[in-house]
Amino acid sequence: PAEGRKVSNIVMMGMGEPLYNFEQVKKALLIASDGDGLALSKRRI
């Protein structure tokens, strides 16, 4: 992208069923959306 973040959106849509690994996915996505860190908007996840 010409402006802003290069990785602006993420999709849990790769290999596997994310809801069969809920706790680990949850932990990772909460860190990804943490405002003091990676700070991705939950509307972009």
Full PDB file with SEQRES, HELIX, SHEET, SSBOND, CRYST1, ORIGX, SCALE, CONECT and MASTER records, all heavy atoms in Angstrom:
SEQRES   1 A   45  PRO ALA GLU GLY ARG LYS VAL SER ASN ILE VAL MET MET          
SEQRES   2 A   45  GLY MET GLY GLU PRO LEU TYR ASN PHE GLU GLN VAL LYS          
SEQRES   3 A   45  LYS ALA LEU LEU ILE ALA SER ASP GLY ASP GLY LEU ALA          
SEQRES   4 A   45  LEU SER LYS ARG ARG ILE                                      
HELIX    1 AA1 PRO A   18  ASN A   21  5                                   4    
HELIX    2 AA2 PHE A   22  ALA A   32  1                                  11    
HELIX    3 AA3 LYS A   42  ARG A   44  5                                   3    
CRYST1    1.000    1.000    1.000  90.00  90.00  90.00 P 1           1          
ORIGX1      1.000000  0.000000  0.000000        0.00000                         
ORIGX2      0.000000  1.000000  0.000000        0.00000                         
ORIGX3      0.000000  0.000000  1.000000        0.00000                         
SCALE1      1.000000  0.000000  0.000000        0.00000                         
SCALE2      0.000000  1.000000  0.000000        0.00000                         
SCALE3      0.000000  0.000000  1.000000        0.00000                         
ATOM      1  N   PRO A   1       0.824  -1.213   0.000  1.00  0.00           N  
ATOM      2  CA  PRO A   1       0.000   0.000   0.000  1.00  0.00           C  
ATOM      3  C   PRO A   1       0.852   1.254   0.000  1.00  0.00           C  
ATOM      4  O   PRO A   1       1.903   1.310   0.644  1.00  0.00           O  
ATOM      5  CB  PRO A   1      -0.807  -0.134   1.299  1.00  0.00           C  
ATOM      6  CG  PRO A   1      -0.859  -1.602   1.560  1.00  0.00           C  
ATOM      7  CD  PRO A   1       0.446  -2.138   1.094  1.00  0.00           C  
ATOM      8  N   ALA A   2       0.396   2.276  -0.714  1.00  0.00           N  
ATOM      9  CA  ALA A   2       1.170   3.501  -0.857  1.00  0.00           C  
ATOM     10  C   ALA A   2       1.289   4.263   0.455  1.00  0.00           C  
ATOM     11  O   ALA A   2       2.287   4.952   0.690  1.00  0.00           O  
ATOM     12  CB  ALA A   2       0.543   4.390  -1.925  1.00  0.00           C  
ATOM     13  N   GLU A   3       0.284   4.150   1.310  1.00  0.00           N  
ATOM     14  CA  GLU A   3       0.282   4.867   2.574  1.00  0.00           C  
ATOM     15  C   GLU A   3      -0.103   3.924   3.701  1.00  0.00           C  
ATOM     16  O   GLU A   3      -0.755   2.906   3.499  1.00  0.00           O  
ATOM     17  CB  GLU A   3      -0.689   6.049   2.533  1.00  0.00           C  
ATOM     18  CG  GLU A   3      -0.337   7.116   1.497  1.00  0.00           C  
ATOM     19  CD  GLU A   3      -1.327   8.259   1.490  1.00  0.00           C  
ATOM     20  OE1 GLU A   3      -2.357   8.147   2.216  1.00  0.00           O  
ATOM     21  OE2 GLU A   3      -1.090   9.254   0.785  1.00  0.00           O  
ATOM     22  N   GLY A   4       0.312   4.290   4.908  1.00  0.00           N  
ATOM     23  CA  GLY A   4      -0.075   3.525   6.079  1.00  0.00           C  
ATOM     24  C   GLY A   4       0.698   2.233   6.213  1.00  0.00           C  
ATOM     25  O   GLY A   4       1.772   2.046   5.637  1.00  0.00           O  
ATOM     26  N   ARG A   5       0.125   1.336   6.938  1.00  0.00           N  
ATOM     27  CA  ARG A   5       0.783   0.072   7.222  1.00  0.00           C  
ATOM     28  C   ARG A   5       0.864  -0.822   5.988  1.00  0.00           C  
ATOM     29  O   ARG A   5      -0.050  -0.834   5.157  1.00  0.00           O  
ATOM     30  CB  ARG A   5       0.042  -0.678   8.319  1.00  0.00           C  
ATOM     31  CG  ARG A   5       0.128  -0.017   9.690  1.00  0.00           C  
ATOM     32  CD  ARG A   5      -0.449  -0.935  10.726  1.00  0.00           C  
ATOM     33  NE  ARG A   5      -0.245  -0.436  12.079  1.00  0.00           N  
ATOM     34  CZ  ARG A   5      -0.477  -1.136  13.164  1.00  0.00           C  
ATOM     35  NH1 ARG A   5      -0.915  -2.389  13.062  1.00  0.00           N  
ATOM     36  NH2 ARG A   5      -0.262  -0.620  14.355  1.00  0.00           N  
ATOM     37  N   LYS A   6       1.954  -1.558   5.922  1.00  0.00           N  
ATOM     38  CA  LYS A   6       2.076  -2.548   4.861  1.00  0.00           C  
ATOM     39  C   LYS A   6       1.166  -3.736   5.132  1.00  0.00           C  
ATOM     40  O   LYS A   6       0.572  -4.303   4.220  1.00  0.00           O  
ATOM     41  CB  LYS A   6       3.526  -3.028   4.726  1.00  0.00           C  
ATOM     42  CG  LYS A   6       4.473  -2.090   4.000  1.00  0.00           C  
ATOM     43  CD  LYS A   6       4.592  -0.747   4.526  1.00  0.00           C  
ATOM     44  CE  LYS A   6       5.653   0.108   3.832  1.00  0.00           C  
ATOM     45  NZ  LYS A   6       5.864   1.345   4.635  1.00  0.00           N  
ATOM     46  N   VAL A   7       1.082  -4.153   6.411  1.00  0.00           N  
ATOM     47  CA  VAL A   7       0.128  -5.180   6.821  1.00  0.00           C  
ATOM     48  C   VAL A   7      -0.948  -4.486   7.638  1.00  0.00           C  
ATOM     49  O   VAL A   7      -0.774  -4.220   8.822  1.00  0.00           O  
ATOM     50  CB  VAL A   7       0.788  -6.299   7.642  1.00  0.00           C  
ATOM     51  CG1 VAL A   7      -0.256  -7.362   8.014  1.00  0.00           C  
ATOM     52  CG2 VAL A   7       1.942  -6.933   6.882  1.00  0.00           C  
ATOM     53  N   SER A   8      -2.054  -4.175   7.006  1.00  0.00           N  
ATOM     54  CA  SER A   8      -3.117  -3.421   7.669  1.00  0.00           C  
ATOM     55  C   SER A   8      -4.262  -4.319   8.129  1.00  0.00           C  
ATOM     56  O   SER A   8      -5.024  -3.934   9.015  1.00  0.00           O  
ATOM     57  CB  SER A   8      -3.670  -2.353   6.725  1.00  0.00           C  
ATOM     58  OG  SER A   8      -4.236  -2.961   5.556  1.00  0.00           O  
ATOM     59  N   ASN A   9      -4.405  -5.505   7.512  1.00  0.00           N  
ATOM     60  CA  ASN A   9      -5.485  -6.436   7.808  1.00  0.00           C  
ATOM     61  C   ASN A   9      -4.923  -7.840   7.964  1.00  0.00           C  
ATOM     62  O   ASN A   9      -3.973  -8.211   7.256  1.00  0.00           O  
ATOM     63  CB  ASN A   9      -6.529  -6.446   6.689  1.00  0.00           C  
ATOM     64  CG  ASN A   9      -7.242  -5.125   6.511  1.00  0.00           C  
ATOM     65  OD1 ASN A   9      -6.637  -4.077   6.294  1.00  0.00           O  
ATOM     66  ND2 ASN A   9      -8.564  -5.156   6.606  1.00  0.00           N  
ATOM     67  N   ILE A  10      -5.495  -8.613   8.857  1.00  0.00           N  
ATOM     68  CA  ILE A  10      -5.137 -10.016   8.936  1.00  0.00           C  
ATOM     69  C   ILE A  10      -6.394 -10.871   8.907  1.00  0.00           C  
ATOM     70  O   ILE A  10      -7.466 -10.449   9.355  1.00  0.00           O  
ATOM     71  CB  ILE A  10      -4.284 -10.361  10.172  1.00  0.00           C  
ATOM     72  CG1 ILE A  10      -5.003 -10.018  11.473  1.00  0.00           C  
ATOM     73  CG2 ILE A  10      -2.943  -9.653  10.107  1.00  0.00           C  
ATOM     74  CD1 ILE A  10      -4.215 -10.450  12.717  1.00  0.00           C  
ATOM     75  N   VAL A  11      -6.257 -12.061   8.346  1.00  0.00           N  
ATOM     76  CA  VAL A  11      -7.365 -13.003   8.220  1.00  0.00           C  
ATOM     77  C   VAL A  11      -6.905 -14.361   8.726  1.00  0.00           C  
ATOM     78  O   VAL A  11      -5.908 -14.900   8.236  1.00  0.00           O  
ATOM     79  CB  VAL A  11      -7.852 -13.138   6.758  1.00  0.00           C  
ATOM     80  CG1 VAL A  11      -9.079 -14.035   6.690  1.00  0.00           C  
ATOM     81  CG2 VAL A  11      -8.177 -11.788   6.152  1.00  0.00           C  
ATOM     82  N   MET A  12      -7.618 -14.914   9.688  1.00  0.00           N  
ATOM     83  CA  MET A  12      -7.357 -16.284  10.119  1.00  0.00           C  
ATOM     84  C   MET A  12      -8.059 -17.200   9.139  1.00  0.00           C  
ATOM     85  O   MET A  12      -9.166 -17.669   9.359  1.00  0.00           O  
ATOM     86  CB  MET A  12      -7.850 -16.513  11.546  1.00  0.00           C  
ATOM     87  CG  MET A  12      -7.168 -15.689  12.610  1.00  0.00           C  
ATOM     88  SD  MET A  12      -5.384 -15.961  12.730  1.00  0.00           S  
ATOM     89  CE  MET A  12      -5.271 -17.737  12.897  1.00  0.00           C  
ATOM     90  N   MET A  13      -7.392 -17.446   8.022  1.00  0.00           N  
ATOM     91  CA  MET A  13      -7.983 -18.217   6.941  1.00  0.00           C  
ATOM     92  C   MET A  13      -6.938 -19.068   6.243  1.00  0.00           C  
ATOM     93  O   MET A  13      -7.089 -19.469   5.107  1.00  0.00           O  
ATOM     94  CB  MET A  13      -8.671 -17.284   5.946  1.00  0.00           C  
ATOM     95  CG  MET A  13      -9.606 -17.983   4.959  1.00  0.00           C  
ATOM     96  SD  MET A  13     -10.238 -16.836   3.739  1.00  0.00           S  
ATOM     97  CE  MET A  13     -11.553 -16.085   4.629  1.00  0.00           C  
ATOM     98  N   GLY A  14      -5.830 -19.322   6.895  1.00  0.00           N  
ATOM     99  CA  GLY A  14      -4.807 -20.170   6.307  1.00  0.00           C  
ATOM    100  C   GLY A  14      -5.092 -21.630   6.593  1.00  0.00           C  
ATOM    101  O   GLY A  14      -6.239 -22.066   6.647  1.00  0.00           O  
ATOM    102  N   MET A  15      -4.061 -22.392   6.786  1.00  0.00           N  
ATOM    103  CA  MET A  15      -4.223 -23.811   7.065  1.00  0.00           C  
ATOM    104  C   MET A  15      -4.907 -24.025   8.415  1.00  0.00           C  
ATOM    105  O   MET A  15      -4.541 -23.400   9.412  1.00  0.00           O  
ATOM    106  CB  MET A  15      -2.853 -24.486   7.059  1.00  0.00           C  
ATOM    107  CG  MET A  15      -2.124 -24.401   5.725  1.00  0.00           C  
ATOM    108  SD  MET A  15      -0.449 -25.072   5.795  1.00  0.00           S  
ATOM    109  CE  MET A  15      -0.822 -26.803   6.118  1.00  0.00           C  
ATOM    110  N   GLY A  16      -5.917 -24.915   8.435  1.00  0.00           N  
ATOM    111  CA  GLY A  16      -6.564 -25.282   9.682  1.00  0.00           C  
ATOM    112  C   GLY A  16      -7.863 -24.548   9.961  1.00  0.00           C  
ATOM    113  O   GLY A  16      -8.234 -23.598   9.271  1.00  0.00           O  
ATOM    114  N   GLU A  17      -8.560 -25.001  10.989  1.00  0.00           N  
ATOM    115  CA  GLU A  17      -9.796 -24.404  11.476  1.00  0.00           C  
ATOM    116  C   GLU A  17      -9.470 -23.651  12.770  1.00  0.00           C  
ATOM    117  O   GLU A  17      -9.203 -24.258  13.802  1.00  0.00           O  
ATOM    118  CB  GLU A  17     -10.840 -25.488  11.737  1.00  0.00           C  
ATOM    119  CG  GLU A  17     -12.053 -25.052  12.555  1.00  0.00           C  
ATOM    120  CD  GLU A  17     -12.782 -23.846  11.996  1.00  0.00           C  
ATOM    121  OE1 GLU A  17     -13.315 -23.924  10.874  1.00  0.00           O  
ATOM    122  OE2 GLU A  17     -12.818 -22.820  12.697  1.00  0.00           O  
ATOM    123  N   PRO A  18      -9.476 -22.305  12.734  1.00  0.00           N  
ATOM    124  CA  PRO A  18      -9.045 -21.541  13.911  1.00  0.00           C  
ATOM    125  C   PRO A  18      -9.870 -21.794  15.164  1.00  0.00           C  
ATOM    126  O   PRO A  18      -9.349 -21.720  16.275  1.00  0.00           O  
ATOM    127  CB  PRO A  18      -9.138 -20.080  13.449  1.00  0.00           C  
ATOM    128  CG  PRO A  18     -10.003 -20.104  12.232  1.00  0.00           C  
ATOM    129  CD  PRO A  18      -9.805 -21.425  11.596  1.00  0.00           C  
ATOM    130  N   LEU A  19     -11.159 -22.107  15.025  1.00  0.00           N  
ATOM    131  CA  LEU A  19     -11.992 -22.327  16.205  1.00  0.00           C  
ATOM    132  C   LEU A  19     -11.772 -23.695  16.833  1.00  0.00           C  
ATOM    133  O   LEU A  19     -12.293 -23.954  17.919  1.00  0.00           O  
ATOM    134  CB  LEU A  19     -13.463 -22.108  15.874  1.00  0.00           C  
ATOM    135  CG  LEU A  19     -13.817 -20.668  15.487  1.00  0.00           C  
ATOM    136  CD1 LEU A  19     -15.316 -20.485  15.368  1.00  0.00           C  
ATOM    137  CD2 LEU A  19     -13.241 -19.662  16.487  1.00  0.00           C  
ATOM    138  N   TYR A  20     -10.999 -24.564  16.196  1.00  0.00           N  
ATOM    139  CA  TYR A  20     -10.541 -25.791  16.830  1.00  0.00           C  
ATOM    140  C   TYR A  20      -9.210 -25.587  17.545  1.00  0.00           C  
ATOM    141  O   TYR A  20      -8.652 -26.532  18.096  1.00  0.00           O  
ATOM    142  CB  TYR A  20     -10.434 -26.922  15.816  1.00  0.00           C  
ATOM    143  CG  TYR A  20     -11.746 -27.629  15.535  1.00  0.00           C  
ATOM    144  CD1 TYR A  20     -11.947 -28.318  14.357  1.00  0.00           C  
ATOM    145  CD2 TYR A  20     -12.778 -27.617  16.464  1.00  0.00           C  
ATOM    146  CE1 TYR A  20     -13.146 -28.967  14.095  1.00  0.00           C  
ATOM    147  CE2 TYR A  20     -13.978 -28.270  16.218  1.00  0.00           C  
ATOM    148  CZ  TYR A  20     -14.155 -28.939  15.031  1.00  0.00           C  
ATOM    149  OH  TYR A  20     -15.346 -29.594  14.784  1.00  0.00           O  
ATOM    150  N   ASN A  21      -8.714 -24.390  17.531  1.00  0.00           N  
ATOM    151  CA  ASN A  21      -7.521 -24.000  18.279  1.00  0.00           C  
ATOM    152  C   ASN A  21      -7.793 -22.657  18.953  1.00  0.00           C  
ATOM    153  O   ASN A  21      -6.991 -21.745  18.928  1.00  0.00           O  
ATOM    154  CB  ASN A  21      -6.312 -23.910  17.334  1.00  0.00           C  
ATOM    155  CG  ASN A  21      -4.988 -23.718  18.064  1.00  0.00           C  
ATOM    156  OD1 ASN A  21      -4.871 -23.980  19.262  1.00  0.00           O  
ATOM    157  ND2 ASN A  21      -3.970 -23.255  17.334  1.00  0.00           N  
ATOM    158  N   PHE A  22      -8.976 -22.554  19.559  1.00  0.00           N  
ATOM    159  CA  PHE A  22      -9.503 -21.268  19.995  1.00  0.00           C  
ATOM    160  C   PHE A  22      -8.591 -20.542  20.961  1.00  0.00           C  
ATOM    161  O   PHE A  22      -8.312 -19.350  20.785  1.00  0.00           O  
ATOM    162  CB  PHE A  22     -10.889 -21.449  20.626  1.00  0.00           C  
ATOM    163  CG  PHE A  22     -11.532 -20.141  21.028  1.00  0.00           C  
ATOM    164  CD1 PHE A  22     -12.276 -19.413  20.113  1.00  0.00           C  
ATOM    165  CD2 PHE A  22     -11.389 -19.639  22.308  1.00  0.00           C  
ATOM    166  CE1 PHE A  22     -12.861 -18.203  20.470  1.00  0.00           C  
ATOM    167  CE2 PHE A  22     -11.973 -18.432  22.671  1.00  0.00           C  
ATOM    168  CZ  PHE A  22     -12.714 -17.712  21.750  1.00  0.00           C  
ATOM    169  N   GLU A  23      -8.111 -21.201  21.998  1.00  0.00           N  
ATOM    170  CA  GLU A  23      -7.375 -20.503  23.043  1.00  0.00           C  
ATOM    171  C   GLU A  23      -6.086 -19.898  22.518  1.00  0.00           C  
ATOM    172  O   GLU A  23      -5.735 -18.763  22.858  1.00  0.00           O  
ATOM    173  CB  GLU A  23      -7.090 -21.439  24.215  1.00  0.00           C  
ATOM    174  CG  GLU A  23      -8.339 -21.879  24.982  1.00  0.00           C  
ATOM    175  CD  GLU A  23      -9.120 -20.723  25.589  1.00  0.00           C  
ATOM    176  OE1 GLU A  23      -8.508 -19.669  25.881  1.00  0.00           O  
ATOM    177  OE2 GLU A  23     -10.351 -20.844  25.759  1.00  0.00           O  
ATOM    178  N   GLN A  24      -5.355 -20.632  21.689  1.00  0.00           N  
ATOM    179  CA  GLN A  24      -4.108 -20.103  21.146  1.00  0.00           C  
ATOM    180  C   GLN A  24      -4.368 -18.994  20.130  1.00  0.00           C  
ATOM    181  O   GLN A  24      -3.647 -17.993  20.089  1.00  0.00           O  
ATOM    182  CB  GLN A  24      -3.288 -21.232  20.504  1.00  0.00           C  
ATOM    183  CG  GLN A  24      -2.838 -22.309  21.488  1.00  0.00           C  
ATOM    184  CD  GLN A  24      -1.972 -21.755  22.607  1.00  0.00           C  
ATOM    185  OE1 GLN A  24      -1.020 -21.017  22.368  1.00  0.00           O  
ATOM    186  NE2 GLN A  24      -2.299 -22.112  23.837  1.00  0.00           N  
ATOM    187  N   VAL A  25      -5.406 -19.153  19.316  1.00  0.00           N  
ATOM    188  CA  VAL A  25      -5.785 -18.097  18.377  1.00  0.00           C  
ATOM    189  C   VAL A  25      -6.215 -16.849  19.134  1.00  0.00           C  
ATOM    190  O   VAL A  25      -5.824 -15.728  18.797  1.00  0.00           O  
ATOM    191  CB  VAL A  25      -6.909 -18.585  17.435  1.00  0.00           C  
ATOM    192  CG1 VAL A  25      -7.513 -17.419  16.653  1.00  0.00           C  
ATOM    193  CG2 VAL A  25      -6.368 -19.643  16.479  1.00  0.00           C  
ATOM    194  N   LYS A  26      -7.014 -17.034  20.172  1.00  0.00           N  
ATOM    195  CA  LYS A  26      -7.460 -15.915  20.982  1.00  0.00           C  
ATOM    196  C   LYS A  26      -6.280 -15.143  21.558  1.00  0.00           C  
ATOM    197  O   LYS A  26      -6.211 -13.912  21.474  1.00  0.00           O  
ATOM    198  CB  LYS A  26      -8.365 -16.416  22.111  1.00  0.00           C  
ATOM    199  CG  LYS A  26      -8.751 -15.342  23.129  1.00  0.00           C  
ATOM    200  CD  LYS A  26      -9.564 -15.940  24.265  1.00  0.00           C  
ATOM    201  CE  LYS A  26      -9.815 -14.912  25.371  1.00  0.00           C  
ATOM    202  NZ  LYS A  26     -10.607 -15.511  26.491  1.00  0.00           N  
ATOM    203  N   LYS A  27      -5.337 -15.846  22.146  1.00  0.00           N  
ATOM    204  CA  LYS A  27      -4.188 -15.194  22.755  1.00  0.00           C  
ATOM    205  C   LYS A  27      -3.401 -14.394  21.710  1.00  0.00           C  
ATOM    206  O   LYS A  27      -3.009 -13.250  21.952  1.00  0.00           O  
ATOM    207  CB  LYS A  27      -3.284 -16.243  23.410  1.00  0.00           C  
ATOM    208  CG  LYS A  27      -2.166 -15.648  24.264  1.00  0.00           C  
ATOM    209  CD  LYS A  27      -1.207 -16.723  24.777  1.00  0.00           C  
ATOM    210  CE  LYS A  27      -1.892 -17.700  25.658  1.00  0.00           C  
ATOM    211  NZ  LYS A  27      -0.880 -18.662  26.239  1.00  0.00           N  
ATOM    212  N   ALA A  28      -3.185 -14.991  20.536  1.00  0.00           N  
ATOM    213  CA  ALA A  28      -2.431 -14.311  19.482  1.00  0.00           C  
ATOM    214  C   ALA A  28      -3.154 -13.072  18.971  1.00  0.00           C  
ATOM    215  O   ALA A  28      -2.547 -12.012  18.782  1.00  0.00           O  
ATOM    216  CB  ALA A  28      -2.150 -15.281  18.331  1.00  0.00           C  
ATOM    217  N   LEU A  29      -4.468 -13.173  18.753  1.00  0.00           N  
ATOM    218  CA  LEU A  29      -5.214 -12.044  18.205  1.00  0.00           C  
ATOM    219  C   LEU A  29      -5.374 -10.914  19.218  1.00  0.00           C  
ATOM    220  O   LEU A  29      -5.416  -9.744  18.845  1.00  0.00           O  
ATOM    221  CB  LEU A  29      -6.574 -12.509  17.682  1.00  0.00           C  
ATOM    222  CG  LEU A  29      -6.539 -13.429  16.469  1.00  0.00           C  
ATOM    223  CD1 LEU A  29      -7.957 -13.712  15.964  1.00  0.00           C  
ATOM    224  CD2 LEU A  29      -5.685 -12.849  15.344  1.00  0.00           C  
ATOM    225  N   LEU A  30      -5.477 -11.248  20.499  1.00  0.00           N  
ATOM    226  CA  LEU A  30      -5.535 -10.195  21.514  1.00  0.00           C  
ATOM    227  C   LEU A  30      -4.227  -9.426  21.573  1.00  0.00           C  
ATOM    228  O   LEU A  30      -4.222  -8.211  21.799  1.00  0.00           O  
ATOM    229  CB  LEU A  30      -5.882 -10.796  22.876  1.00  0.00           C  
ATOM    230  CG  LEU A  30      -7.328 -11.282  23.047  1.00  0.00           C  
ATOM    231  CD1 LEU A  30      -7.530 -11.913  24.415  1.00  0.00           C  
ATOM    232  CD2 LEU A  30      -8.322 -10.144  22.830  1.00  0.00           C  
ATOM    233  N   ILE A  31      -3.103 -10.105  21.370  1.00  0.00           N  
ATOM    234  CA  ILE A  31      -1.818  -9.408  21.306  1.00  0.00           C  
ATOM    235  C   ILE A  31      -1.738  -8.574  20.036  1.00  0.00           C  
ATOM    236  O   ILE A  31      -1.281  -7.430  20.049  1.00  0.00           O  
ATOM    237  CB  ILE A  31      -0.654 -10.415  21.383  1.00  0.00           C  
ATOM    238  CG1 ILE A  31      -0.625 -11.081  22.756  1.00  0.00           C  
ATOM    239  CG2 ILE A  31       0.681  -9.718  21.103  1.00  0.00           C  
ATOM    240  CD1 ILE A  31       0.382 -12.211  22.871  1.00  0.00           C  
ATOM    241  N   ALA A  32      -2.195  -9.122  18.905  1.00  0.00           N  
ATOM    242  CA  ALA A  32      -2.157  -8.385  17.640  1.00  0.00           C  
ATOM    243  C   ALA A  32      -2.982  -7.110  17.701  1.00  0.00           C  
ATOM    244  O   ALA A  32      -2.662  -6.117  17.038  1.00  0.00           O  
ATOM    245  CB  ALA A  32      -2.642  -9.277  16.499  1.00  0.00           C  
ATOM    246  N   SER A  33      -4.055  -7.114  18.489  1.00  0.00           N  
ATOM    247  CA  SER A  33      -4.939  -5.949  18.579  1.00  0.00           C  
ATOM    248  C   SER A  33      -4.657  -5.081  19.800  1.00  0.00           C  
ATOM    249  O   SER A  33      -5.366  -4.091  20.030  1.00  0.00           O  
ATOM    250  CB  SER A  33      -6.404  -6.405  18.591  1.00  0.00           C  
ATOM    251  OG  SER A  33      -6.677  -7.258  19.695  1.00  0.00           O  
ATOM    252  N   ASP A  34      -3.647  -5.410  20.576  1.00  0.00           N  
ATOM    253  CA  ASP A  34      -3.313  -4.645  21.776  1.00  0.00           C  
ATOM    254  C   ASP A  34      -2.837  -3.247  21.388  1.00  0.00           C  
ATOM    255  O   ASP A  34      -1.913  -3.093  20.583  1.00  0.00           O  
ATOM    256  CB  ASP A  34      -2.226  -5.372  22.581  1.00  0.00           C  
ATOM    257  CG  ASP A  34      -1.928  -4.701  23.901  1.00  0.00           C  
ATOM    258  OD1 ASP A  34      -1.222  -3.677  23.916  1.00  0.00           O  
ATOM    259  OD2 ASP A  34      -2.417  -5.183  24.931  1.00  0.00           O  
ATOM    260  N   GLY A  35      -3.457  -2.239  21.980  1.00  0.00           N  
ATOM    261  CA  GLY A  35      -3.161  -0.863  21.598  1.00  0.00           C  
ATOM    262  C   GLY A  35      -1.768  -0.389  21.937  1.00  0.00           C  
ATOM    263  O   GLY A  35      -1.286   0.586  21.359  1.00  0.00           O  
ATOM    264  N   ASP A  36      -1.080  -1.059  22.857  1.00  0.00           N  
ATOM    265  CA  ASP A  36       0.274  -0.679  23.228  1.00  0.00           C  
ATOM    266  C   ASP A  36       1.335  -1.470  22.468  1.00  0.00           C  
ATOM    267  O   ASP A  36       2.519  -1.368  22.790  1.00  0.00           O  
ATOM    268  CB  ASP A  36       0.493  -0.876  24.732  1.00  0.00           C  
ATOM    269  CG  ASP A  36      -0.339   0.071  25.572  1.00  0.00           C  
ATOM    270  OD1 ASP A  36      -0.558   1.220  25.139  1.00  0.00           O  
ATOM    271  OD2 ASP A  36      -0.788  -0.342  26.662  1.00  0.00           O  
ATOM    272  N   GLY A  37       0.906  -2.242  21.484  1.00  0.00           N  
ATOM    273  CA  GLY A  37       1.852  -3.056  20.738  1.00  0.00           C  
ATOM    274  C   GLY A  37       1.608  -2.986  19.248  1.00  0.00           C  
ATOM    275  O   GLY A  37       1.775  -1.950  18.615  1.00  0.00           O  
ATOM    276  N   LEU A  38       1.162  -4.092  18.675  1.00  0.00           N  
ATOM    277  CA  LEU A  38       0.910  -4.168  17.245  1.00  0.00           C  
ATOM    278  C   LEU A  38      -0.284  -3.332  16.823  1.00  0.00           C  
ATOM    279  O   LEU A  38      -0.351  -2.842  15.700  1.00  0.00           O  
ATOM    280  CB  LEU A  38       0.720  -5.631  16.829  1.00  0.00           C  
ATOM    281  CG  LEU A  38       1.981  -6.496  16.969  1.00  0.00           C  
ATOM    282  CD1 LEU A  38       1.630  -7.980  16.937  1.00  0.00           C  
ATOM    283  CD2 LEU A  38       2.970  -6.169  15.856  1.00  0.00           C  
ATOM    284  N   ALA A  39      -1.263  -3.176  17.711  1.00  0.00           N  
ATOM    285  CA  ALA A  39      -2.337  -2.189  17.582  1.00  0.00           C  
ATOM    286  C   ALA A  39      -3.138  -2.292  16.287  1.00  0.00           C  
ATOM    287  O   ALA A  39      -3.515  -1.286  15.688  1.00  0.00           O  
ATOM    288  CB  ALA A  39      -1.770  -0.767  17.741  1.00  0.00           C  
ATOM    289  N   LEU A  40      -3.430  -3.510  15.841  1.00  0.00           N  
ATOM    290  CA  LEU A  40      -4.330  -3.673  14.709  1.00  0.00           C  
ATOM    291  C   LEU A  40      -5.771  -3.502  15.176  1.00  0.00           C  
ATOM    292  O   LEU A  40      -6.172  -4.059  16.199  1.00  0.00           O  
ATOM    293  CB  LEU A  40      -4.160  -5.058  14.083  1.00  0.00           C  
ATOM    294  CG  LEU A  40      -3.008  -5.254  13.108  1.00  0.00           C  
ATOM    295  CD1 LEU A  40      -2.841  -6.742  12.801  1.00  0.00           C  
ATOM    296  CD2 LEU A  40      -3.259  -4.481  11.826  1.00  0.00           C  
ATOM    297  N   SER A  41      -6.557  -2.752  14.445  1.00  0.00           N  
ATOM    298  CA  SER A  41      -7.961  -2.596  14.773  1.00  0.00           C  
ATOM    299  C   SER A  41      -8.676  -3.941  14.657  1.00  0.00           C  
ATOM    300  O   SER A  41      -8.446  -4.711  13.718  1.00  0.00           O  
ATOM    301  CB  SER A  41      -8.616  -1.588  13.827  1.00  0.00           C  
ATOM    302  OG  SER A  41     -10.034  -1.640  13.920  1.00  0.00           O  
ATOM    303  N   LYS A  42      -9.559  -4.239  15.599  1.00  0.00           N  
ATOM    304  CA  LYS A  42     -10.325  -5.487  15.528  1.00  0.00           C  
ATOM    305  C   LYS A  42     -11.244  -5.526  14.314  1.00  0.00           C  
ATOM    306  O   LYS A  42     -11.639  -6.613  13.883  1.00  0.00           O  
ATOM    307  CB  LYS A  42     -11.117  -5.691  16.820  1.00  0.00           C  
ATOM    308  CG  LYS A  42     -10.219  -5.993  18.021  1.00  0.00           C  
ATOM    309  CD  LYS A  42     -11.030  -6.299  19.260  1.00  0.00           C  
ATOM    310  CE  LYS A  42     -10.100  -6.646  20.426  1.00  0.00           C  
ATOM    311  NZ  LYS A  42     -10.863  -6.993  21.653  1.00  0.00           N  
ATOM    312  N   ARG A  43     -11.550  -4.381  13.765  1.00  0.00           N  
ATOM    313  CA  ARG A  43     -12.343  -4.339  12.544  1.00  0.00           C  
ATOM    314  C   ARG A  43     -11.501  -4.649  11.309  1.00  0.00           C  
ATOM    315  O   ARG A  43     -12.039  -4.765  10.214  1.00  0.00           O  
ATOM    316  CB  ARG A  43     -13.046  -2.989  12.404  1.00  0.00           C  
ATOM    317  CG  ARG A  43     -14.032  -2.716  13.529  1.00  0.00           C  
ATOM    318  CD  ARG A  43     -14.851  -1.488  13.307  1.00  0.00           C  
ATOM    319  NE  ARG A  43     -15.731  -1.626  12.161  1.00  0.00           N  
ATOM    320  CZ  ARG A  43     -16.707  -0.782  11.859  1.00  0.00           C  
ATOM    321  NH1 ARG A  43     -16.948   0.235  12.636  1.00  0.00           N  
ATOM    322  NH2 ARG A  43     -17.461  -0.958  10.784  1.00  0.00           N  
ATOM    323  N   ARG A  44     -10.207  -4.772  11.500  1.00  0.00           N  
ATOM    324  CA  ARG A  44      -9.310  -5.178  10.423  1.00  0.00           C  
ATOM    325  C   ARG A  44      -8.792  -6.601  10.631  1.00  0.00           C  
ATOM    326  O   ARG A  44      -7.858  -7.025   9.958  1.00  0.00           O  
ATOM    327  CB  ARG A  44      -8.146  -4.188  10.295  1.00  0.00           C  
ATOM    328  CG  ARG A  44      -8.586  -2.821   9.772  1.00  0.00           C  
ATOM    329  CD  ARG A  44      -7.389  -1.884   9.622  1.00  0.00           C  
ATOM    330  NE  ARG A  44      -7.767  -0.611   9.021  1.00  0.00           N  
ATOM    331  CZ  ARG A  44      -7.752  -0.329   7.742  1.00  0.00           C  
ATOM    332  NH1 ARG A  44      -7.381  -1.273   6.879  1.00  0.00           N  
ATOM    333  NH2 ARG A  44      -8.097   0.855   7.285  1.00  0.00           N  
ATOM    334  N   ILE A  45      -9.378  -7.302  11.598  1.00  0.00           N  
ATOM    335  CA  ILE A  45      -9.033  -8.692  11.853  1.00  0.00           C  
ATOM    336  C   ILE A  45     -10.265  -9.544  11.573  1.00  0.00           C  
ATOM    337  O   ILE A  45     -11.334  -9.313  12.130  1.00  0.00           O  
ATOM    338  CB  ILE A  45      -8.566  -8.907  13.310  1.00  0.00           C  
ATOM    339  CG1 ILE A  45      -7.310  -8.065  13.598  1.00  0.00           C  
ATOM    340  CG2 ILE A  45      -8.281 -10.381  13.570  1.00  0.00           C  
ATOM    341  CD1 ILE A  45      -6.883  -8.104  15.056  1.00  0.00           C  
TER     342      ILE A  45                                                      
MASTER        0    0    0    3    0    0    0    6  341    1    0    4          
END                                                                             
